[in-house]
Amino acid sequence: MKTQLYSFWRSSAAFRVRIVLNLKGMDYEVIPIHLVKNGGGQSTPEYASKNPNRLVPLYTDGSHTIHQSLAIIEYLEEIQPHPPLLPQTPIDRAWVRSVAMDIAMEIHPLNNVRVLRYLMKTLGVSAEAKDAWGHHWIVLGLESLEKQLSVDARVGRFACGDQPGLIDICLVPQIFNALSTKIDMTSYPTLMKIFHQCMTLPAFIDASWEKQIDAEGLNPLTPPKE
């Protein structure tokens, strides 16, 4: 029986899990949950009974369910340790986790669909102000990431060494979001070098927006040539 991933094609958190499942060669079925149409499929009683926080992704393995992308990724790492997503030493693993969390816990939540919806529908923020909000937090986060990764000796072809790992898994979806909102990425050469390297790999390509069964239209992203 295939495991199942409840996913939305543009969800950064679901994107992360798709990458990991692909990297580890695990068989899974995507169950699309549209986060916008008709108030959002995540708000239906059926889905809320599975995942009370009404977010994606949700991963099911038999009778077990796991929510929160980093928890799902940790579970997948434990049951399928090859290829590894974390380096060998405790200090390097802590560093990788900290940078990944900079993305998953500091940048991404502030641009989550439900946050942006609350800004506009409940607080009455204009579309322009909503876009300025998103731009501010993405740029602030990318600036920090560029400063960290541009000087760290652990950076190789990927964010930590020459194999893709947890940082890359979090970074690529965030750059997709940044590019889709027309953020100028020329100030982040280290991040874009890592991004382009990741996007040569089938695991990342097949997890990307336009490859999903619920994708709407063509991929709006054409990564700039360096």
C-alpha atoms as a PDB file:
ATOM      1  CA  MET A   1       0.000   0.000   0.000  1.00  0.00           C
ATOM      2  CA  LYS A   2       1.341   3.403  -0.992  1.00  0.00           C
ATOM      3  CA  THR A   3       1.829   6.070   1.602  1.00  0.00           C
ATOM      4  CA  GLN A   4      -0.139   9.248   0.966  1.00  0.00           C
ATOM      5  CA  LEU A   5       0.855  12.892   0.956  1.00  0.00           C
ATOM      6  CA  TYR A   6      -1.887  15.488   1.212  1.00  0.00           C
ATOM      7  CA  SER A   7      -0.392  18.331  -0.771  1.00  0.00           C
ATOM      8  CA  PHE A   8      -1.013  21.593  -2.617  1.00  0.00           C
ATOM      9  CA  TRP A   9       1.129  22.264  -5.655  1.00  0.00           C
ATOM     10  CA  ARG A  10       2.327  25.689  -4.459  1.00  0.00           C
ATOM     11  CA  SER A  11       2.715  24.815  -0.793  1.00  0.00           C
ATOM     12  CA  SER A  12       6.334  25.267   0.253  1.00  0.00           C
ATOM     13  CA  ALA A  13       5.917  22.841   3.138  1.00  0.00           C
ATOM     14  CA  ALA A  14       4.455  20.125   0.918  1.00  0.00           C
ATOM     15  CA  PHE A  15       7.158  20.838  -1.679  1.00  0.00           C
ATOM     16  CA  ARG A  16       9.821  20.027   0.933  1.00  0.00           C
ATOM     17  CA  VAL A  17       8.290  16.640   1.671  1.00  0.00           C
ATOM     18  CA  ARG A  18       7.899  15.811  -2.018  1.00  0.00           C
ATOM     19  CA  ILE A  19      11.606  16.464  -2.512  1.00  0.00           C
ATOM     20  CA  VAL A  20      12.552  14.148   0.344  1.00  0.00           C
ATOM     21  CA  LEU A  21      10.271  11.350  -0.825  1.00  0.00           C
ATOM     22  CA  ASN A  22      11.819  11.638  -4.277  1.00  0.00           C
ATOM     23  CA  LEU A  23      15.391  11.771  -3.010  1.00  0.00           C
ATOM     24  CA  LYS A  24      14.835   8.626  -0.980  1.00  0.00           C
ATOM     25  CA  GLY A  25      13.072   6.827  -3.816  1.00  0.00           C
ATOM     26  CA  MET A  26       9.924   6.207  -1.796  1.00  0.00           C
ATOM     27  CA  ASP A  27       6.632   5.356  -3.461  1.00  0.00           C
ATOM     28  CA  TYR A  28       3.755   7.671  -2.508  1.00  0.00           C
ATOM     29  CA  GLU A  29       0.434   8.989  -3.708  1.00  0.00           C
ATOM     30  CA  VAL A  30      -0.353  12.700  -3.778  1.00  0.00           C
ATOM     31  CA  ILE A  31      -3.804  13.686  -2.547  1.00  0.00           C
ATOM     32  CA  PRO A  32      -4.415  17.284  -3.697  1.00  0.00           C
ATOM     33  CA  ILE A  33      -5.869  19.751  -1.197  1.00  0.00           C
ATOM     34  CA  HIS A  34      -6.597  23.122  -2.794  1.00  0.00           C
ATOM     35  CA  LEU A  35      -5.822  25.830  -0.261  1.00  0.00           C
ATOM     36  CA  VAL A  36      -7.757  28.636  -1.968  1.00  0.00           C
ATOM     37  CA  LYS A  37     -10.778  27.477  -3.971  1.00  0.00           C
ATOM     38  CA  ASN A  38     -14.154  27.461  -2.233  1.00  0.00           C
ATOM     39  CA  GLY A  39     -12.652  28.595   1.042  1.00  0.00           C
ATOM     40  CA  GLY A  40      -9.912  25.981   0.917  1.00  0.00           C
ATOM     41  CA  GLY A  41     -10.136  22.195   0.963  1.00  0.00           C
ATOM     42  CA  GLN A  42      -8.140  22.193   4.190  1.00  0.00           C
ATOM     43  CA  SER A  43     -11.188  23.636   5.965  1.00  0.00           C
ATOM     44  CA  THR A  44     -13.580  20.850   5.061  1.00  0.00           C
ATOM     45  CA  PRO A  45     -14.770  18.658   7.948  1.00  0.00           C
ATOM     46  CA  GLU A  46     -13.336  15.589   6.217  1.00  0.00           C
ATOM     47  CA  TYR A  47      -9.813  17.003   6.043  1.00  0.00           C
ATOM     48  CA  ALA A  48     -10.001  18.735   9.430  1.00  0.00           C
ATOM     49  CA  SER A  49     -10.833  15.370  11.005  1.00  0.00           C
ATOM     50  CA  LYS A  50      -7.528  14.073   9.669  1.00  0.00           C
ATOM     51  CA  ASN A  51      -5.489  17.195  10.419  1.00  0.00           C
ATOM     52  CA  PRO A  52      -7.118  19.551  12.959  1.00  0.00           C
ATOM     53  CA  ASN A  53      -4.647  22.360  12.264  1.00  0.00           C
ATOM     54  CA  ARG A  54      -6.016  22.472   8.685  1.00  0.00           C
ATOM     55  CA  LEU A  55      -2.688  22.779   6.955  1.00  0.00           C
ATOM     56  CA  VAL A  56      -0.724  20.794   4.413  1.00  0.00           C
ATOM     57  CA  PRO A  57       1.241  18.625   4.198  1.00  0.00           C
ATOM     58  CA  LEU A  58      -0.222  15.640   5.949  1.00  0.00           C
ATOM     59  CA  TYR A  59       1.537  12.294   5.516  1.00  0.00           C
ATOM     60  CA  THR A  60      -0.150   8.966   6.101  1.00  0.00           C
ATOM     61  CA  ASP A  61       1.676   5.672   6.527  1.00  0.00           C
ATOM     62  CA  GLY A  62      -0.867   2.935   7.098  1.00  0.00           C
ATOM     63  CA  SER A  63      -2.965   3.944  10.085  1.00  0.00           C
ATOM     64  CA  HIS A  64      -0.468   6.599  11.169  1.00  0.00           C
ATOM     65  CA  THR A  65      -0.590  10.282  10.217  1.00  0.00           C
ATOM     66  CA  ILE A  66       2.102  12.922  10.622  1.00  0.00           C
ATOM     67  CA  HIS A  67       1.737  16.658  10.086  1.00  0.00           C
ATOM     68  CA  GLN A  68       4.305  19.474   9.935  1.00  0.00           C
ATOM     69  CA  SER A  69       6.851  19.149   7.133  1.00  0.00           C
ATOM     70  CA  LEU A  70       9.977  18.993   9.289  1.00  0.00           C
ATOM     71  CA  ALA A  71       8.463  16.261  11.469  1.00  0.00           C
ATOM     72  CA  ILE A  72       7.525  14.278   8.356  1.00  0.00           C
ATOM     73  CA  ILE A  73      11.035  14.730   6.971  1.00  0.00           C
ATOM     74  CA  GLU A  74      12.576  13.580  10.245  1.00  0.00           C
ATOM     75  CA  TYR A  75      10.358  10.485  10.190  1.00  0.00           C
ATOM     76  CA  LEU A  76      11.349   9.692   6.600  1.00  0.00           C
ATOM     77  CA  GLU A  77      15.010  10.156   7.506  1.00  0.00           C
ATOM     78  CA  GLU A  78      14.669   7.648  10.339  1.00  0.00           C
ATOM     79  CA  ILE A  79      12.849   4.949   8.377  1.00  0.00           C
ATOM     80  CA  GLN A  80      14.891   5.434   5.192  1.00  0.00           C
ATOM     81  CA  PRO A  81      18.320   6.773   6.216  1.00  0.00           C
ATOM     82  CA  HIS A  82      19.840   6.657   2.729  1.00  0.00           C
ATOM     83  CA  PRO A  83      20.674   8.992   1.224  1.00  0.00           C
ATOM     84  CA  PRO A  84      21.205  10.958   4.452  1.00  0.00           C
ATOM     85  CA  LEU A  85      19.843  14.476   4.723  1.00  0.00           C
ATOM     86  CA  LEU A  86      22.061  15.502   7.637  1.00  0.00           C
ATOM     87  CA  PRO A  87      25.852  15.544   8.029  1.00  0.00           C
ATOM     88  CA  GLN A  88      27.702  13.206  10.378  1.00  0.00           C
ATOM     89  CA  THR A  89      28.877  15.374  13.266  1.00  0.00           C
ATOM     90  CA  PRO A  90      26.556  16.791  15.939  1.00  0.00           C
ATOM     91  CA  ILE A  91      27.750  20.366  15.398  1.00  0.00           C
ATOM     92  CA  ASP A  92      27.220  20.187  11.644  1.00  0.00           C
ATOM     93  CA  ARG A  93      23.782  18.632  12.084  1.00  0.00           C
ATOM     94  CA  ALA A  94      22.868  21.436  14.499  1.00  0.00           C
ATOM     95  CA  TRP A  95      24.052  24.037  11.980  1.00  0.00           C
ATOM     96  CA  VAL A  96      22.063  22.466   9.148  1.00  0.00           C
ATOM     97  CA  ARG A  97      18.940  22.312  11.283  1.00  0.00           C
ATOM     98  CA  SER A  98      19.345  25.936  12.365  1.00  0.00           C
ATOM     99  CA  VAL A  99      19.615  27.230   8.796  1.00  0.00           C
ATOM    100  CA  ALA A 100      16.709  25.052   7.657  1.00  0.00           C
ATOM    101  CA  MET A 101      14.637  26.443  10.519  1.00  0.00           C
ATOM    102  CA  ASP A 102      15.562  29.989   9.483  1.00  0.00           C
ATOM    103  CA  ILE A 103      13.585  29.238   6.335  1.00  0.00           C
ATOM    104  CA  ALA A 104      10.827  26.971   7.611  1.00  0.00           C
ATOM    105  CA  MET A 105      10.103  28.845  10.841  1.00  0.00           C
ATOM    106  CA  GLU A 106      11.097  32.458  10.180  1.00  0.00           C
ATOM    107  CA  ILE A 107      10.460  33.248   6.503  1.00  0.00           C
ATOM    108  CA  HIS A 108       7.766  30.851   5.384  1.00  0.00           C
ATOM    109  CA  PRO A 109       5.115  31.218   8.142  1.00  0.00           C
ATOM    110  CA  LEU A 110       4.826  34.966   7.603  1.00  0.00           C
ATOM    111  CA  ASN A 111       3.874  34.360   3.974  1.00  0.00           C
ATOM    112  CA  ASN A 112       1.554  31.440   4.567  1.00  0.00           C
ATOM    113  CA  VAL A 113      -1.775  31.526   2.695  1.00  0.00           C
ATOM    114  CA  ARG A 114      -3.843  31.811   5.867  1.00  0.00           C
ATOM    115  CA  VAL A 115      -1.711  34.703   7.157  1.00  0.00           C
ATOM    116  CA  LEU A 116      -2.067  36.641   3.901  1.00  0.00           C
ATOM    117  CA  ARG A 117      -5.782  35.873   3.784  1.00  0.00           C
ATOM    118  CA  TYR A 118      -6.202  37.187   7.346  1.00  0.00           C
ATOM    119  CA  LEU A 119      -4.328  40.372   6.476  1.00  0.00           C
ATOM    120  CA  MET A 120      -6.664  41.102   3.565  1.00  0.00           C
ATOM    121  CA  LYS A 121     -10.032  39.658   4.541  1.00  0.00           C
ATOM    122  CA  THR A 122     -10.041  40.347   8.286  1.00  0.00           C
ATOM    123  CA  LEU A 123      -7.734  43.323   8.771  1.00  0.00           C
ATOM    124  CA  GLY A 124      -8.636  44.959   5.475  1.00  0.00           C
ATOM    125  CA  VAL A 125      -5.064  45.329   4.256  1.00  0.00           C
ATOM    126  CA  SER A 126      -4.804  46.289   0.583  1.00  0.00           C
ATOM    127  CA  ALA A 127      -3.279  43.972  -1.990  1.00  0.00           C
ATOM    128  CA  GLU A 128      -0.340  46.354  -2.291  1.00  0.00           C
ATOM    129  CA  ALA A 129       0.269  46.360   1.457  1.00  0.00           C
ATOM    130  CA  LYS A 130      -0.050  42.573   1.570  1.00  0.00           C
ATOM    131  CA  ASP A 131       2.573  42.263  -1.169  1.00  0.00           C
ATOM    132  CA  ALA A 132       4.857  44.708   0.673  1.00  0.00           C
ATOM    133  CA  TRP A 133       4.481  42.603   3.823  1.00  0.00           C
ATOM    134  CA  GLY A 134       5.519  39.438   1.988  1.00  0.00           C
ATOM    135  CA  HIS A 135       8.384  41.131   0.174  1.00  0.00           C
ATOM    136  CA  HIS A 136       9.779  42.553   3.413  1.00  0.00           C
ATOM    137  CA  TRP A 137       9.957  39.237   5.253  1.00  0.00           C
ATOM    138  CA  ILE A 138      11.260  37.250   2.293  1.00  0.00           C
ATOM    139  CA  VAL A 139      14.031  39.748   1.576  1.00  0.00           C
ATOM    140  CA  LEU A 140      14.996  39.989   5.249  1.00  0.00           C
ATOM    141  CA  GLY A 141      15.295  36.212   5.411  1.00  0.00           C
ATOM    142  CA  LEU A 142      17.171  35.830   2.128  1.00  0.00           C
ATOM    143  CA  GLU A 143      19.683  38.483   3.171  1.00  0.00           C
ATOM    144  CA  SER A 144      20.422  36.537   6.349  1.00  0.00           C
ATOM    145  CA  LEU A 145      20.758  33.246   4.472  1.00  0.00           C
ATOM    146  CA  GLU A 146      23.100  34.753   1.897  1.00  0.00           C
ATOM    147  CA  LYS A 147      25.328  36.186   4.630  1.00  0.00           C
ATOM    148  CA  GLN A 148      25.497  32.831   6.403  1.00  0.00           C
ATOM    149  CA  LEU A 149      26.067  30.584   3.409  1.00  0.00           C
ATOM    150  CA  SER A 150      28.414  32.867   1.480  1.00  0.00           C
ATOM    151  CA  VAL A 151      31.109  32.595   4.180  1.00  0.00           C
ATOM    152  CA  ASP A 152      30.640  29.115   5.627  1.00  0.00           C
ATOM    153  CA  ALA A 153      33.251  26.525   4.677  1.00  0.00           C
ATOM    154  CA  ARG A 154      30.661  23.747   4.834  1.00  0.00           C
ATOM    155  CA  VAL A 155      28.989  25.016   1.676  1.00  0.00           C
ATOM    156  CA  GLY A 156      29.927  22.999  -1.390  1.00  0.00           C
ATOM    157  CA  ARG A 157      27.931  22.234  -4.505  1.00  0.00           C
ATOM    158  CA  PHE A 158      24.964  22.231  -2.138  1.00  0.00           C
ATOM    159  CA  ALA A 159      24.316  24.079   1.116  1.00  0.00           C
ATOM    160  CA  CYS A 160      26.290  21.554   3.134  1.00  0.00           C
ATOM    161  CA  GLY A 161      28.842  19.650   1.106  1.00  0.00           C
ATOM    162  CA  ASP A 162      28.332  18.007  -2.256  1.00  0.00           C
ATOM    163  CA  GLN A 163      25.087  16.130  -1.625  1.00  0.00           C
ATOM    164  CA  PRO A 164      21.637  17.690  -1.225  1.00  0.00           C
ATOM    165  CA  GLY A 165      20.358  17.881   2.319  1.00  0.00           C
ATOM    166  CA  LEU A 166      17.899  19.520   4.647  1.00  0.00           C
ATOM    167  CA  ILE A 167      18.897  23.120   3.928  1.00  0.00           C
ATOM    168  CA  ASP A 168      18.507  22.645   0.177  1.00  0.00           C
ATOM    169  CA  ILE A 169      15.141  20.951   0.709  1.00  0.00           C
ATOM    170  CA  CYS A 170      13.876  24.051   2.535  1.00  0.00           C
ATOM    171  CA  LEU A 171      15.683  26.591   0.351  1.00  0.00           C
ATOM    172  CA  VAL A 172      14.393  25.590  -3.068  1.00  0.00           C
ATOM    173  CA  PRO A 173      10.661  26.053  -2.307  1.00  0.00           C
ATOM    174  CA  GLN A 174      11.412  29.408  -0.691  1.00  0.00           C
ATOM    175  CA  ILE A 175      13.248  30.580  -3.808  1.00  0.00           C
ATOM    176  CA  PHE A 176      10.313  29.429  -5.933  1.00  0.00           C
ATOM    177  CA  ASN A 177       8.141  31.747  -3.832  1.00  0.00           C
ATOM    178  CA  ALA A 178      10.608  34.609  -4.112  1.00  0.00           C
ATOM    179  CA  LEU A 179      10.845  34.286  -7.891  1.00  0.00           C
ATOM    180  CA  SER A 180       7.078  34.066  -8.242  1.00  0.00           C
ATOM    181  CA  THR A 181       6.711  37.392  -6.455  1.00  0.00           C
ATOM    182  CA  LYS A 182       9.305  38.994  -8.747  1.00  0.00           C
ATOM    183  CA  ILE A 183      11.934  39.544  -6.065  1.00  0.00           C
ATOM    184  CA  ASP A 184      15.289  40.510  -7.573  1.00  0.00           C
ATOM    185  CA  MET A 185      17.604  37.611  -6.763  1.00  0.00           C
ATOM    186  CA  THR A 186      20.836  39.160  -8.019  1.00  0.00           C
ATOM    187  CA  SER A 187      21.829  40.042  -4.452  1.00  0.00           C
ATOM    188  CA  TYR A 188      21.875  36.353  -3.480  1.00  0.00           C
ATOM    189  CA  PRO A 189      24.471  34.665  -5.717  1.00  0.00           C
ATOM    190  CA  THR A 190      25.277  31.906  -3.225  1.00  0.00           C
ATOM    191  CA  LEU A 191      21.621  30.991  -2.785  1.00  0.00           C
ATOM    192  CA  MET A 192      21.001  31.006  -6.524  1.00  0.00           C
ATOM    193  CA  LYS A 193      24.060  28.862  -7.214  1.00  0.00           C
ATOM    194  CA  ILE A 194      22.730  26.260  -4.788  1.00  0.00           C
ATOM    195  CA  PHE A 195      19.234  26.594  -6.260  1.00  0.00           C
ATOM    196  CA  HIS A 196      20.418  25.986  -9.817  1.00  0.00           C
ATOM    197  CA  GLN A 197      22.452  22.978  -8.687  1.00  0.00           C
ATOM    198  CA  CYS A 198      19.418  21.491  -6.948  1.00  0.00           C
ATOM    199  CA  MET A 199      17.239  22.053  -9.985  1.00  0.00           C
ATOM    200  CA  THR A 200      19.454  19.775 -12.093  1.00  0.00           C
ATOM    201  CA  LEU A 201      18.310  16.813  -9.981  1.00  0.00           C
ATOM    202  CA  PRO A 202      15.190  14.790 -10.850  1.00  0.00           C
ATOM    203  CA  ALA A 203      14.118  14.688  -7.192  1.00  0.00           C
ATOM    204  CA  PHE A 204      13.783  18.475  -7.115  1.00  0.00           C
ATOM    205  CA  ILE A 205      12.447  18.823 -10.655  1.00  0.00           C
ATOM    206  CA  ASP A 206       9.742  16.210 -10.127  1.00  0.00           C
ATOM    207  CA  ALA A 207       8.693  17.847  -6.850  1.00  0.00           C
ATOM    208  CA  SER A 208       8.371  21.294  -8.413  1.00  0.00           C
ATOM    209  CA  TRP A 209       5.165  23.185  -9.052  1.00  0.00           C
ATOM    210  CA  GLU A 210       4.466  22.369 -12.678  1.00  0.00           C
ATOM    211  CA  LYS A 211       5.030  18.632 -12.170  1.00  0.00           C
ATOM    212  CA  GLN A 212       2.159  18.230  -9.707  1.00  0.00           C
ATOM    213  CA  ILE A 213      -1.146  16.642 -10.640  1.00  0.00           C
ATOM    214  CA  ASP A 214      -2.998  19.665  -9.274  1.00  0.00           C
ATOM    215  CA  ALA A 215      -0.782  22.286 -10.913  1.00  0.00           C
ATOM    216  CA  GLU A 216      -2.703  25.158 -12.468  1.00  0.00           C
ATOM    217  CA  GLY A 217      -1.149  26.290 -15.721  1.00  0.00           C
ATOM    218  CA  LEU A 218       2.492  26.403 -16.655  1.00  0.00           C
ATOM    219  CA  ASN A 219       5.313  26.963 -14.234  1.00  0.00           C
ATOM    220  CA  PRO A 220       5.533  30.758 -13.840  1.00  0.00           C
ATOM    221  CA  LEU A 221       9.178  30.499 -12.882  1.00  0.00           C
ATOM    222  CA  THR A 222      12.016  30.750 -15.319  1.00  0.00           C
ATOM    223  CA  PRO A 223      15.114  30.886 -13.146  1.00  0.00           C
ATOM    224  CA  PRO A 224      17.370  33.721 -14.313  1.00  0.00           C
ATOM    225  CA  LYS A 225      20.554  32.756 -16.060  1.00  0.00           C
ATOM    226  CA  GLU A 226      23.718  33.734 -14.257  1.00  0.00           C
END
